[in-house]
Amino acid sequence: MIQFSSITLACVTFASLALSAGANSLDVPGSLLIYPLFDNNRGGVYTITVTNTNGDSTPLPGGQLLAGTVDVEFVYIHGLNCLEFNRTRRLTPNDTLTVTTIQDNPNQSTGYVYVFAKSPTTGKAIKFDWLAGDSFQTAPTLVGGIDISPVVFLAGSGLAAGANTDVDNDGVRDLNGNEYEKVNDKLLVPRFIADFDGSSRPELILIGLTGQSFQTIVNFLIYNDNEEVFSAQYTFDCWNRIDLRAVNGAFTQEFLQSTNHNPNEFLRVSNVFGPMLVPMQLEYGWFRMDGAVAFSTAASVQDPAFLALRIERFAFTAFAGASLPYGIGVQANGDLVQHGPFPDSN
């Protein structure tokens, strides 16, 4: 699995586009979609869309189903305790479904969601590489809203279409190359805008893929705009949404201005935001992330798998945006979602 996205700055109005490492750099439908964020806390409406791009309307024997029909299971993971809430829906050929998360799951405040294809006859998870999706948050305080595409995983290449993806029959979605594609080894964020005095507030969402009971330590390499690099570490549980400055002070305006940065490279925003207290020159940089270790009360895992999402917000304005990172390399130890203090061994 390689998942890319970009975020475009035009008069500080953001749009996000998710891409993947195909020949034309566009993502493709898959059997498993991971939405890094649902948020019922911040007002407005947060929606999740799943679309069945299979158009096969051939009646199956018995006449009750069409060949392109699939069931999809929504699994909400609560960010506070990583407990799950499930719903299953049926999508007919070329069908699309958009749900409002606060109505679909009013008992959980925030976290992430994954959706996977299931057989409409057996209820088993299956290879059905026809699912596409999107999520969108709109609110009176957001210009145009925030669009976030899911991370898309194809089912294992060795499986036949319609085959059961739960190869080991443990009820866990294994991102190991057999059940679903492997997860990326390292994640790259091509740009962050410095945190400044609460006015510019870059955020990061982290999703641990080792297990519900595990803490994950991520190594960061943070680059300023003149190729200087600084290191940091951050520890989180199975899901966390944090300000980048909570990871390390290297993400702040004050620190970046103290480095040997390039004074000719900056983001000018004061003319757009008017009286808002933003400096004429906002520093920026980029960073790498790599899993160091994940640990529970009973076990540890080296180089754990994880996912991330970058969010940029400007206080006192309605401007915000989000994007997925670039990914390089692959590893086979990601799981959705292992319970208990021991990692999944298969």
C-alpha atoms as a PDB file:
ATOM      1  CA  MET A   1       0.000   0.000   0.000  1.00  0.00           C
ATOM      2  CA  ILE A   2       1.296   3.437  -0.970  1.00  0.00           C
ATOM      3  CA  GLN A   3      -0.967   6.346  -0.139  1.00  0.00           C
ATOM      4  CA  PHE A   4      -0.202   9.911  -1.141  1.00  0.00           C
ATOM      5  CA  SER A   5      -2.022  13.206  -0.948  1.00  0.00           C
ATOM      6  CA  SER A   6      -1.391  16.871  -1.506  1.00  0.00           C
ATOM      7  CA  ILE A   7      -2.705  20.084  -0.011  1.00  0.00           C
ATOM      8  CA  THR A   8      -2.720  23.226  -2.146  1.00  0.00           C
ATOM      9  CA  LEU A   9      -2.315  26.760  -0.763  1.00  0.00           C
ATOM     10  CA  ALA A  10      -4.179  29.417  -2.742  1.00  0.00           C
ATOM     11  CA  CYS A  11      -5.026  32.539  -0.758  1.00  0.00           C
ATOM     12  CA  VAL A  12      -4.794  30.156   2.193  1.00  0.00           C
ATOM     13  CA  THR A  13      -7.827  28.165   1.023  1.00  0.00           C
ATOM     14  CA  PHE A  14      -6.935  24.496   1.140  1.00  0.00           C
ATOM     15  CA  ALA A  15      -8.032  21.510  -0.925  1.00  0.00           C
ATOM     16  CA  SER A  16      -6.813  17.963  -0.349  1.00  0.00           C
ATOM     17  CA  LEU A  17      -6.347  15.176  -2.880  1.00  0.00           C
ATOM     18  CA  ALA A  18      -5.375  11.603  -2.055  1.00  0.00           C
ATOM     19  CA  LEU A  19      -3.047   9.841  -4.472  1.00  0.00           C
ATOM     20  CA  SER A  20      -1.307   6.501  -4.681  1.00  0.00           C
ATOM     21  CA  ALA A  21       1.673   4.935  -6.404  1.00  0.00           C
ATOM     22  CA  GLY A  22       0.032   3.744  -9.578  1.00  0.00           C
ATOM     23  CA  ALA A  23       1.377   4.397 -13.059  1.00  0.00           C
ATOM     24  CA  ASN A  24      -0.673   7.581 -13.206  1.00  0.00           C
ATOM     25  CA  SER A  25      -0.333   8.378  -9.454  1.00  0.00           C
ATOM     26  CA  LEU A  26      -4.057   7.994  -8.851  1.00  0.00           C
ATOM     27  CA  ASP A  27      -5.430   5.792  -6.105  1.00  0.00           C
ATOM     28  CA  VAL A  28      -7.515   2.732  -6.946  1.00  0.00           C
ATOM     29  CA  PRO A  29     -10.552   1.193  -5.185  1.00  0.00           C
ATOM     30  CA  GLY A  30      -9.860  -1.492  -2.602  1.00  0.00           C
ATOM     31  CA  SER A  31     -11.433  -3.920  -0.143  1.00  0.00           C
ATOM     32  CA  LEU A  32     -10.572  -1.989   3.027  1.00  0.00           C
ATOM     33  CA  LEU A  33     -10.790   1.778   3.652  1.00  0.00           C
ATOM     34  CA  ILE A  34      -9.338   3.478   6.750  1.00  0.00           C
ATOM     35  CA  TYR A  35     -10.713   6.942   7.561  1.00  0.00           C
ATOM     36  CA  PRO A  36      -8.213   8.544   9.998  1.00  0.00           C
ATOM     37  CA  LEU A  37     -10.747  10.854  11.625  1.00  0.00           C
ATOM     38  CA  PHE A  38     -14.353  11.190  12.622  1.00  0.00           C
ATOM     39  CA  ASP A  39     -15.211  14.110  14.854  1.00  0.00           C
ATOM     40  CA  ASN A  40     -18.550  14.671  16.593  1.00  0.00           C
ATOM     41  CA  ASN A  41     -17.149  17.309  18.963  1.00  0.00           C
ATOM     42  CA  ARG A  42     -16.409  20.413  16.916  1.00  0.00           C
ATOM     43  CA  GLY A  43     -19.765  21.396  15.488  1.00  0.00           C
ATOM     44  CA  GLY A  44     -21.046  21.197  11.951  1.00  0.00           C
ATOM     45  CA  VAL A  45     -21.442  17.905  10.133  1.00  0.00           C
ATOM     46  CA  TYR A  46     -18.870  15.137   9.614  1.00  0.00           C
ATOM     47  CA  THR A  47     -19.723  12.644   6.875  1.00  0.00           C
ATOM     48  CA  ILE A  48     -18.224   9.389   5.614  1.00  0.00           C
ATOM     49  CA  THR A  49     -18.890   8.126   2.091  1.00  0.00           C
ATOM     50  CA  VAL A  50     -18.425   4.598   0.719  1.00  0.00           C
ATOM     51  CA  THR A  51     -19.081   3.880  -2.953  1.00  0.00           C
ATOM     52  CA  ASN A  52     -19.402   0.498  -4.663  1.00  0.00           C
ATOM     53  CA  THR A  53     -17.812   1.052  -8.090  1.00  0.00           C
ATOM     54  CA  ASN A  54     -18.741  -2.462  -9.283  1.00  0.00           C
ATOM     55  CA  GLY A  55     -21.479  -2.135 -11.895  1.00  0.00           C
ATOM     56  CA  ASP A  56     -22.219  -5.826 -12.502  1.00  0.00           C
ATOM     57  CA  SER A  57     -26.036  -6.145 -12.385  1.00  0.00           C
ATOM     58  CA  THR A  58     -26.124  -9.800 -13.467  1.00  0.00           C
ATOM     59  CA  PRO A  59     -28.698 -11.686 -11.312  1.00  0.00           C
ATOM     60  CA  LEU A  60     -27.184 -14.469  -9.234  1.00  0.00           C
ATOM     61  CA  PRO A  61     -28.888 -17.895  -8.941  1.00  0.00           C
ATOM     62  CA  GLY A  62     -32.013 -17.520  -6.872  1.00  0.00           C
ATOM     63  CA  GLY A  63     -32.587 -13.977  -8.112  1.00  0.00           C
ATOM     64  CA  GLN A  64     -32.184 -12.331  -4.720  1.00  0.00           C
ATOM     65  CA  LEU A  65     -28.805 -10.682  -5.358  1.00  0.00           C
ATOM     66  CA  LEU A  66     -26.919  -9.044  -8.206  1.00  0.00           C
ATOM     67  CA  ALA A  67     -23.314 -10.032  -8.930  1.00  0.00           C
ATOM     68  CA  GLY A  68     -21.941  -6.607  -7.996  1.00  0.00           C
ATOM     69  CA  THR A  69     -23.702  -6.399  -4.613  1.00  0.00           C
ATOM     70  CA  VAL A  70     -21.564  -6.230  -1.476  1.00  0.00           C
ATOM     71  CA  ASP A  71     -22.027  -5.683   2.244  1.00  0.00           C
ATOM     72  CA  VAL A  72     -19.741  -3.205   3.999  1.00  0.00           C
ATOM     73  CA  GLU A  73     -19.018  -3.106   7.713  1.00  0.00           C
ATOM     74  CA  PHE A  74     -18.328   0.254   9.374  1.00  0.00           C
ATOM     75  CA  VAL A  75     -16.060  -0.138  12.406  1.00  0.00           C
ATOM     76  CA  TYR A  76     -15.788   3.004  14.540  1.00  0.00           C
ATOM     77  CA  ILE A  77     -12.791   3.057  16.891  1.00  0.00           C
ATOM     78  CA  HIS A  78     -13.249   5.427  19.831  1.00  0.00           C
ATOM     79  CA  GLY A  79     -10.188   7.623  20.241  1.00  0.00           C
ATOM     80  CA  LEU A  80     -10.455   7.704  24.039  1.00  0.00           C
ATOM     81  CA  ASN A  81     -10.481   3.967  24.783  1.00  0.00           C
ATOM     82  CA  CYS A  82     -10.202   2.263  21.363  1.00  0.00           C
ATOM     83  CA  LEU A  83     -13.465   0.387  21.862  1.00  0.00           C
ATOM     84  CA  GLU A  84     -15.391  -0.314  18.658  1.00  0.00           C
ATOM     85  CA  PHE A  85     -18.894   0.210  17.351  1.00  0.00           C
ATOM     86  CA  ASN A  86     -20.049  -1.676  14.229  1.00  0.00           C
ATOM     87  CA  ARG A  87     -22.696  -1.299  11.553  1.00  0.00           C
ATOM     88  CA  THR A  88     -23.183  -3.309   8.343  1.00  0.00           C
ATOM     89  CA  ARG A  89     -24.843  -1.952   5.182  1.00  0.00           C
ATOM     90  CA  ARG A  90     -25.616  -3.387   1.757  1.00  0.00           C
ATOM     91  CA  LEU A  91     -24.427  -1.655  -1.430  1.00  0.00           C
ATOM     92  CA  THR A  92     -25.922  -2.715  -4.749  1.00  0.00           C
ATOM     93  CA  PRO A  93     -23.961  -2.230  -8.014  1.00  0.00           C
ATOM     94  CA  ASN A  94     -22.897   1.428  -8.480  1.00  0.00           C
ATOM     95  CA  ASP A  95     -24.434   2.283  -5.102  1.00  0.00           C
ATOM     96  CA  THR A  96     -23.040   5.001  -2.828  1.00  0.00           C
ATOM     97  CA  LEU A  97     -23.739   5.685   0.837  1.00  0.00           C
ATOM     98  CA  THR A  98     -22.938   8.787   2.883  1.00  0.00           C
ATOM     99  CA  VAL A  99     -23.516   8.774   6.638  1.00  0.00           C
ATOM    100  CA  THR A 100     -23.347  11.600   9.159  1.00  0.00           C
ATOM    101  CA  THR A 101     -21.207  10.267  11.983  1.00  0.00           C
ATOM    102  CA  ILE A 102     -23.010  12.006  14.828  1.00  0.00           C
ATOM    103  CA  GLN A 103     -26.241  10.302  13.744  1.00  0.00           C
ATOM    104  CA  ASP A 104     -24.639   7.019  12.742  1.00  0.00           C
ATOM    105  CA  ASN A 105     -22.647   6.716  15.975  1.00  0.00           C
ATOM    106  CA  PRO A 106     -23.822   9.311  18.523  1.00  0.00           C
ATOM    107  CA  ASN A 107     -22.243   7.522  21.497  1.00  0.00           C
ATOM    108  CA  GLN A 108     -18.617   8.061  20.446  1.00  0.00           C
ATOM    109  CA  SER A 109     -17.094  11.532  20.261  1.00  0.00           C
ATOM    110  CA  THR A 110     -14.037  11.166  18.043  1.00  0.00           C
ATOM    111  CA  GLY A 111     -11.597   8.619  16.643  1.00  0.00           C
ATOM    112  CA  TYR A 112     -11.209   6.779  13.348  1.00  0.00           C
ATOM    113  CA  VAL A 113     -13.268   4.444  11.156  1.00  0.00           C
ATOM    114  CA  TYR A 114     -12.428   1.518   8.918  1.00  0.00           C
ATOM    115  CA  VAL A 115     -14.790  -0.028   6.380  1.00  0.00           C
ATOM    116  CA  PHE A 116     -14.307  -3.437   4.749  1.00  0.00           C
ATOM    117  CA  ALA A 117     -16.142  -5.534   2.179  1.00  0.00           C
ATOM    118  CA  LYS A 118     -18.179  -8.568   3.311  1.00  0.00           C
ATOM    119  CA  SER A 119     -20.029 -11.284   1.491  1.00  0.00           C
ATOM    120  CA  PRO A 120     -23.788 -10.570   1.399  1.00  0.00           C
ATOM    121  CA  THR A 121     -24.454 -14.305   1.741  1.00  0.00           C
ATOM    122  CA  THR A 122     -21.915 -15.510   4.326  1.00  0.00           C
ATOM    123  CA  GLY A 123     -21.112 -12.287   6.194  1.00  0.00           C
ATOM    124  CA  LYS A 124     -17.371 -13.055   5.868  1.00  0.00           C
ATOM    125  CA  ALA A 125     -14.769 -10.436   4.940  1.00  0.00           C
ATOM    126  CA  ILE A 126     -13.977 -10.852   1.233  1.00  0.00           C
ATOM    127  CA  LYS A 127     -11.748  -9.634  -1.552  1.00  0.00           C
ATOM    128  CA  PHE A 128     -13.845  -7.005  -3.317  1.00  0.00           C
ATOM    129  CA  ASP A 129     -11.482  -4.376  -4.726  1.00  0.00           C
ATOM    130  CA  TRP A 130     -14.282  -2.038  -5.773  1.00  0.00           C
ATOM    131  CA  LEU A 131     -14.694   0.212  -2.729  1.00  0.00           C
ATOM    132  CA  ALA A 132     -13.915   3.933  -2.951  1.00  0.00           C
ATOM    133  CA  GLY A 133     -14.598   6.577  -0.330  1.00  0.00           C
ATOM    134  CA  ASP A 134     -14.287  10.055   1.080  1.00  0.00           C
ATOM    135  CA  SER A 135     -14.966  11.981   4.280  1.00  0.00           C
ATOM    136  CA  PHE A 136     -15.922  15.601   4.689  1.00  0.00           C
ATOM    137  CA  GLN A 137     -16.367  18.013   7.574  1.00  0.00           C
ATOM    138  CA  THR A 138     -18.337  21.194   7.120  1.00  0.00           C
ATOM    139  CA  ALA A 139     -19.086  23.848   9.745  1.00  0.00           C
ATOM    140  CA  PRO A 140     -19.862  27.569   9.929  1.00  0.00           C
ATOM    141  CA  THR A 141     -16.239  28.127  10.977  1.00  0.00           C
ATOM    142  CA  LEU A 142     -14.749  26.360   7.933  1.00  0.00           C
ATOM    143  CA  VAL A 143     -14.418  27.892   4.481  1.00  0.00           C
ATOM    144  CA  GLY A 144     -15.418  25.114   2.099  1.00  0.00           C
ATOM    145  CA  GLY A 145     -15.028  22.455   4.776  1.00  0.00           C
ATOM    146  CA  ILE A 146     -12.240  19.873   5.123  1.00  0.00           C
ATOM    147  CA  ASP A 147     -12.058  16.895   2.765  1.00  0.00           C
ATOM    148  CA  ILE A 148     -10.080  13.819   3.872  1.00  0.00           C
ATOM    149  CA  SER A 149      -9.712  10.750   1.691  1.00  0.00           C
ATOM    150  CA  PRO A 150      -9.299   7.328   3.317  1.00  0.00           C
ATOM    151  CA  VAL A 151      -6.207   5.143   3.200  1.00  0.00           C
ATOM    152  CA  VAL A 152      -7.084   2.384   0.715  1.00  0.00           C
ATOM    153  CA  PHE A 153      -5.921  -1.235   0.954  1.00  0.00           C
ATOM    154  CA  LEU A 154      -6.378  -3.848  -1.742  1.00  0.00           C
ATOM    155  CA  ALA A 155      -7.035  -7.406  -0.623  1.00  0.00           C
ATOM    156  CA  GLY A 156      -4.080  -9.821  -0.798  1.00  0.00           C
ATOM    157  CA  SER A 157      -2.881 -10.374  -4.366  1.00  0.00           C
ATOM    158  CA  GLY A 158      -2.862 -14.147  -3.845  1.00  0.00           C
ATOM    159  CA  LEU A 159      -6.591 -14.250  -3.141  1.00  0.00           C
ATOM    160  CA  ALA A 160      -9.241 -14.812  -5.789  1.00  0.00           C
ATOM    161  CA  ALA A 161     -12.026 -12.272  -6.210  1.00  0.00           C
ATOM    162  CA  GLY A 162     -14.697 -12.940  -3.599  1.00  0.00           C
ATOM    163  CA  ALA A 163     -12.390 -15.094  -1.455  1.00  0.00           C
ATOM    164  CA  ASN A 164     -12.440 -14.854   2.343  1.00  0.00           C
ATOM    165  CA  THR A 165      -9.741 -12.374   3.424  1.00  0.00           C
ATOM    166  CA  ASP A 166      -9.689 -13.565   7.040  1.00  0.00           C
ATOM    167  CA  VAL A 167      -7.157 -16.238   6.185  1.00  0.00           C
ATOM    168  CA  ASP A 168      -6.339 -17.123   9.803  1.00  0.00           C
ATOM    169  CA  ASN A 169      -9.979 -16.840  10.993  1.00  0.00           C
ATOM    170  CA  ASP A 170      -9.139 -14.548  13.922  1.00  0.00           C
ATOM    171  CA  GLY A 171     -11.547 -11.700  13.081  1.00  0.00           C
ATOM    172  CA  VAL A 172      -8.638  -9.236  12.732  1.00  0.00           C
ATOM    173  CA  ARG A 173      -7.933  -7.412   9.475  1.00  0.00           C
ATOM    174  CA  ASP A 174      -4.248  -8.277   8.884  1.00  0.00           C
ATOM    175  CA  LEU A 175      -2.244  -5.793   6.782  1.00  0.00           C
ATOM    176  CA  ASN A 176       0.343  -8.459   6.053  1.00  0.00           C
ATOM    177  CA  GLY A 177       0.199  -8.923   2.275  1.00  0.00           C
ATOM    178  CA  ASN A 178      -1.900 -12.089   2.610  1.00  0.00           C
ATOM    179  CA  GLU A 179      -5.226 -10.716   3.820  1.00  0.00           C
ATOM    180  CA  TYR A 180      -4.713  -7.090   2.748  1.00  0.00           C
ATOM    181  CA  GLU A 181      -1.811  -5.085   1.395  1.00  0.00           C
ATOM    182  CA  LYS A 182       1.082  -4.334   3.721  1.00  0.00           C
ATOM    183  CA  VAL A 183       1.280  -0.945   5.424  1.00  0.00           C
ATOM    184  CA  ASN A 184       4.009   1.610   4.654  1.00  0.00           C
ATOM    185  CA  ASP A 185       7.192   1.440   6.734  1.00  0.00           C
ATOM    186  CA  LYS A 186       7.975   5.176   6.890  1.00  0.00           C
ATOM    187  CA  LEU A 187       5.716   8.201   6.438  1.00  0.00           C
ATOM    188  CA  LEU A 188       6.791  11.549   4.977  1.00  0.00           C
ATOM    189  CA  VAL A 189       4.975  14.873   5.409  1.00  0.00           C
ATOM    190  CA  PRO A 190       6.252  17.213   2.659  1.00  0.00           C
ATOM    191  CA  ARG A 191       5.349  20.430   4.446  1.00  0.00           C
ATOM    192  CA  PHE A 192       4.231  21.776   7.801  1.00  0.00           C
ATOM    193  CA  ILE A 193       3.608  25.406   8.670  1.00  0.00           C
ATOM    194  CA  ALA A 194       5.173  26.459  11.975  1.00  0.00           C
ATOM    195  CA  ASP A 195       3.069  26.693  15.105  1.00  0.00           C
ATOM    196  CA  PHE A 196       2.887  30.360  16.079  1.00  0.00           C
ATOM    197  CA  ASP A 197       1.385  31.671  19.297  1.00  0.00           C
ATOM    198  CA  GLY A 198      -1.867  29.789  18.855  1.00  0.00           C
ATOM    199  CA  SER A 199      -2.596  31.521  15.538  1.00  0.00           C
ATOM    200  CA  SER A 200      -1.107  28.869  13.283  1.00  0.00           C
ATOM    201  CA  ARG A 201      -1.934  25.488  14.836  1.00  0.00           C
ATOM    202  CA  PRO A 202      -0.712  22.483  12.830  1.00  0.00           C
ATOM    203  CA  GLU A 203      -2.029  19.155  14.114  1.00  0.00           C
ATOM    204  CA  LEU A 204      -1.223  15.489  13.646  1.00  0.00           C
ATOM    205  CA  ILE A 205      -3.388  12.387  13.943  1.00  0.00           C
ATOM    206  CA  LEU A 206      -1.604   9.102  14.711  1.00  0.00           C
ATOM    207  CA  ILE A 207      -3.140   5.614  14.484  1.00  0.00           C
ATOM    208  CA  GLY A 208      -1.361   2.655  16.049  1.00  0.00           C
ATOM    209  CA  LEU A 209      -1.680  -0.653  14.184  1.00  0.00           C
ATOM    210  CA  THR A 210      -0.219  -3.014  16.801  1.00  0.00           C
ATOM    211  CA  GLY A 211      -3.158  -3.443  19.153  1.00  0.00           C
ATOM    212  CA  GLN A 212      -5.694  -1.823  21.437  1.00  0.00           C
ATOM    213  CA  SER A 213      -3.484  -2.263  24.530  1.00  0.00           C
ATOM    214  CA  PHE A 214      -0.249  -0.944  22.997  1.00  0.00           C
ATOM    215  CA  GLN A 215       1.575   2.359  23.282  1.00  0.00           C
ATOM    216  CA  THR A 216       3.534   3.272  20.138  1.00  0.00           C
ATOM    217  CA  ILE A 217       6.725   5.339  20.043  1.00  0.00           C
ATOM    218  CA  VAL A 218       7.374   7.151  16.748  1.00  0.00           C
ATOM    219  CA  ASN A 219      10.738   8.640  15.737  1.00  0.00           C
ATOM    220  CA  PHE A 220      10.641  12.023  13.975  1.00  0.00           C
ATOM    221  CA  LEU A 221      13.218  13.722  11.770  1.00  0.00           C
ATOM    222  CA  ILE A 222      12.199  17.377  11.380  1.00  0.00           C
ATOM    223  CA  TYR A 223      13.763  19.537   8.638  1.00  0.00           C
ATOM    224  CA  ASN A 224      13.724  23.316   8.444  1.00  0.00           C
ATOM    225  CA  ASP A 225      13.713  25.169   5.100  1.00  0.00           C
ATOM    226  CA  ASN A 226      17.518  25.000   4.858  1.00  0.00           C
ATOM    227  CA  GLU A 227      18.055  21.218   5.187  1.00  0.00           C
ATOM    228  CA  GLU A 228      18.893  21.306   8.906  1.00  0.00           C
ATOM    229  CA  VAL A 229      17.466  18.280  10.688  1.00  0.00           C
ATOM    230  CA  PHE A 230      16.299  17.782  14.288  1.00  0.00           C
ATOM    231  CA  SER A 231      15.123  14.586  15.972  1.00  0.00           C
ATOM    232  CA  ALA A 232      12.223  13.886  18.303  1.00  0.00           C
ATOM    233  CA  GLN A 233      10.076  11.047  19.660  1.00  0.00           C
ATOM    234  CA  TYR A 234       6.413  10.870  20.563  1.00  0.00           C
ATOM    235  CA  THR A 235       4.404   8.177  22.372  1.00  0.00           C
ATOM    236  CA  PHE A 236       0.681   7.612  21.798  1.00  0.00           C
ATOM    237  CA  ASP A 237      -1.968   4.960  22.348  1.00  0.00           C
ATOM    238  CA  CYS A 238      -4.050   3.439  19.544  1.00  0.00           C
ATOM    239  CA  TRP A 239      -5.299   6.878  18.283  1.00  0.00           C
ATOM    240  CA  ASN A 240      -4.323  10.418  19.140  1.00  0.00           C
ATOM    241  CA  ARG A 241      -4.924  13.937  17.813  1.00  0.00           C
ATOM    242  CA  ILE A 242      -2.252  16.396  18.936  1.00  0.00           C
ATOM    243  CA  ASP A 243      -0.791  19.794  18.151  1.00  0.00           C
ATOM    244  CA  LEU A 244       2.569  19.388  16.411  1.00  0.00           C
ATOM    245  CA  ARG A 245       4.190  21.547  19.091  1.00  0.00           C
ATOM    246  CA  ALA A 246       3.315  18.785  21.587  1.00  0.00           C
ATOM    247  CA  VAL A 247       5.665  16.471  19.663  1.00  0.00           C
ATOM    248  CA  ASN A 248       8.608  18.860  19.839  1.00  0.00           C
ATOM    249  CA  GLY A 249       9.419  22.569  19.935  1.00  0.00           C
ATOM    250  CA  ALA A 250      11.134  22.185  16.556  1.00  0.00           C
ATOM    251  CA  PHE A 251       7.683  22.630  14.997  1.00  0.00           C
ATOM    252  CA  THR A 252       7.284  26.169  16.401  1.00  0.00           C
ATOM    253  CA  GLN A 253       7.921  29.530  14.767  1.00  0.00           C
ATOM    254  CA  GLU A 254      10.243  30.617  17.570  1.00  0.00           C
ATOM    255  CA  PHE A 255      12.502  27.598  17.235  1.00  0.00           C
ATOM    256  CA  LEU A 256      12.667  27.589  13.440  1.00  0.00           C
ATOM    257  CA  GLN A 257      13.601  31.274  13.393  1.00  0.00           C
ATOM    258  CA  SER A 258      16.466  30.485  15.779  1.00  0.00           C
ATOM    259  CA  THR A 259      17.962  27.922  13.380  1.00  0.00           C
ATOM    260  CA  ASN A 260      20.108  28.483  10.321  1.00  0.00           C
ATOM    261  CA  HIS A 261      16.981  28.780   8.197  1.00  0.00           C
ATOM    262  CA  ASN A 262      16.703  30.377   4.771  1.00  0.00           C
ATOM    263  CA  PRO A 263      15.426  33.951   5.318  1.00  0.00           C
ATOM    264  CA  ASN A 264      14.197  34.090   1.730  1.00  0.00           C
ATOM    265  CA  GLU A 265      11.842  31.127   2.129  1.00  0.00           C
ATOM    266  CA  PHE A 266       8.670  31.758   4.096  1.00  0.00           C
ATOM    267  CA  LEU A 267       4.888  31.744   3.905  1.00  0.00           C
ATOM    268  CA  ARG A 268       3.356  35.234   3.859  1.00  0.00           C
ATOM    269  CA  VAL A 269      -0.149  35.252   5.332  1.00  0.00           C
ATOM    270  CA  SER A 270      -0.623  38.576   7.143  1.00  0.00           C
ATOM    271  CA  ASN A 271      -2.137  40.299   4.090  1.00  0.00           C
ATOM    272  CA  VAL A 272      -4.777  37.566   3.854  1.00  0.00           C
ATOM    273  CA  PHE A 273      -5.723  37.430   7.529  1.00  0.00           C
ATOM    274  CA  GLY A 274      -5.768  41.198   8.075  1.00  0.00           C
ATOM    275  CA  PRO A 275      -5.594  42.122  11.781  1.00  0.00           C
ATOM    276  CA  MET A 276      -4.870  38.576  12.962  1.00  0.00           C
ATOM    277  CA  LEU A 277      -1.639  38.369  14.956  1.00  0.00           C
ATOM    278  CA  VAL A 278       0.421  36.396  12.454  1.00  0.00           C
ATOM    279  CA  PRO A 279       4.009  37.372  11.569  1.00  0.00           C
ATOM    280  CA  MET A 280       4.848  38.520   8.065  1.00  0.00           C
ATOM    281  CA  GLN A 281       6.963  35.400   7.618  1.00  0.00           C
ATOM    282  CA  LEU A 282       5.661  32.045   8.835  1.00  0.00           C
ATOM    283  CA  GLU A 283       8.407  29.439   8.838  1.00  0.00           C
ATOM    284  CA  TYR A 284       7.794  25.981   7.420  1.00  0.00           C
ATOM    285  CA  GLY A 285       9.562  22.650   6.992  1.00  0.00           C
ATOM    286  CA  TRP A 286       8.900  18.947   6.480  1.00  0.00           C
ATOM    287  CA  PHE A 287       9.331  15.749   8.477  1.00  0.00           C
ATOM    288  CA  ARG A 288       9.768  11.968   8.425  1.00  0.00           C
ATOM    289  CA  MET A 289       8.172   9.451  10.792  1.00  0.00           C
ATOM    290  CA  ASP A 290       9.176   5.862  11.557  1.00  0.00           C
ATOM    291  CA  GLY A 291       7.914   3.483  14.230  1.00  0.00           C
ATOM    292  CA  ALA A 292      10.472   2.761  16.969  1.00  0.00           C
ATOM    293  CA  VAL A 293       8.712   0.335  19.331  1.00  0.00           C
ATOM    294  CA  ALA A 294       5.206  -0.488  20.537  1.00  0.00           C
ATOM    295  CA  PHE A 295       4.691  -1.965  23.995  1.00  0.00           C
ATOM    296  CA  SER A 296       1.974  -3.260  26.287  1.00  0.00           C
ATOM    297  CA  THR A 297       2.115  -4.633  29.814  1.00  0.00           C
ATOM    298  CA  ALA A 298       3.146  -8.029  28.408  1.00  0.00           C
ATOM    299  CA  ALA A 299       4.965  -7.586  25.079  1.00  0.00           C
ATOM    300  CA  SER A 300       6.802  -5.242  22.741  1.00  0.00           C
ATOM    301  CA  VAL A 301       7.085  -4.943  18.953  1.00  0.00           C
ATOM    302  CA  GLN A 302      10.021  -3.378  17.131  1.00  0.00           C
ATOM    303  CA  ASP A 303       9.340  -1.086  14.166  1.00  0.00           C
ATOM    304  CA  PRO A 304       5.554  -1.011  14.708  1.00  0.00           C
ATOM    305  CA  ALA A 305       3.130  -0.070  11.946  1.00  0.00           C
ATOM    306  CA  PHE A 306       1.098   3.133  12.178  1.00  0.00           C
ATOM    307  CA  LEU A 307      -0.808   5.665  10.066  1.00  0.00           C
ATOM    308  CA  ALA A 308      -0.957   9.460  10.216  1.00  0.00           C
ATOM    309  CA  LEU A 309      -2.869  12.504   9.002  1.00  0.00           C
ATOM    310  CA  ARG A 310      -1.662  16.123   8.917  1.00  0.00           C
ATOM    311  CA  ILE A 311      -4.126  18.968   9.647  1.00  0.00           C
ATOM    312  CA  GLU A 312      -3.420  22.688   9.363  1.00  0.00           C
ATOM    313  CA  ARG A 313      -5.576  25.264  11.122  1.00  0.00           C
ATOM    314  CA  PHE A 314      -5.378  29.026  11.502  1.00  0.00           C
ATOM    315  CA  ALA A 315      -7.035  30.349  14.647  1.00  0.00           C
ATOM    316  CA  PHE A 316      -9.574  33.171  14.432  1.00  0.00           C
ATOM    317  CA  THR A 317     -10.199  32.316  10.771  1.00  0.00           C
ATOM    318  CA  ALA A 318     -12.235  29.751   8.858  1.00  0.00           C
ATOM    319  CA  PHE A 319      -9.235  28.377   6.975  1.00  0.00           C
ATOM    320  CA  ALA A 320      -8.114  24.780   7.458  1.00  0.00           C
ATOM    321  CA  GLY A 321      -6.958  21.785   5.455  1.00  0.00           C
ATOM    322  CA  ALA A 322      -5.788  18.195   5.802  1.00  0.00           C
ATOM    323  CA  SER A 323      -3.713  15.660   3.882  1.00  0.00           C
ATOM    324  CA  LEU A 324      -2.357  12.146   4.159  1.00  0.00           C
ATOM    325  CA  PRO A 325       1.427  11.669   4.157  1.00  0.00           C
ATOM    326  CA  TYR A 326       3.567   9.999   1.522  1.00  0.00           C
ATOM    327  CA  GLY A 327       4.646   6.445   2.304  1.00  0.00           C
ATOM    328  CA  ILE A 328       7.835   4.508   1.504  1.00  0.00           C
ATOM    329  CA  GLY A 329       8.724   0.873   2.091  1.00  0.00           C
ATOM    330  CA  VAL A 330       6.372  -1.790   3.451  1.00  0.00           C
ATOM    331  CA  GLN A 331       6.010  -3.865   6.597  1.00  0.00           C
ATOM    332  CA  ALA A 332       3.713  -6.760   7.458  1.00  0.00           C
ATOM    333  CA  ASN A 333       2.876  -6.159  11.140  1.00  0.00           C
ATOM    334  CA  GLY A 334      -0.169  -3.879  10.888  1.00  0.00           C
ATOM    335  CA  ASP A 335      -3.517  -5.098  12.261  1.00  0.00           C
ATOM    336  CA  LEU A 336      -7.094  -3.840  12.688  1.00  0.00           C
ATOM    337  CA  VAL A 337      -7.643  -4.213  15.583  1.00  0.00           C
ATOM    338  CA  GLN A 338      -5.820  -6.682  17.822  1.00  0.00           C
ATOM    339  CA  HIS A 339      -7.229  -6.896  21.367  1.00  0.00           C
ATOM    340  CA  GLY A 340      -5.337  -7.972  24.451  1.00  0.00           C
ATOM    341  CA  PRO A 341      -1.733  -7.367  25.570  1.00  0.00           C
ATOM    342  CA  PHE A 342      -0.077  -9.547  22.912  1.00  0.00           C
ATOM    343  CA  PRO A 343       0.496  -8.630  19.246  1.00  0.00           C
ATOM    344  CA  ASP A 344      -1.055 -10.621  16.430  1.00  0.00           C
ATOM    345  CA  SER A 345       1.354 -13.358  15.429  1.00  0.00           C
ATOM    346  CA  ASN A 346      -0.054 -14.155  11.970  1.00  0.00           C
END
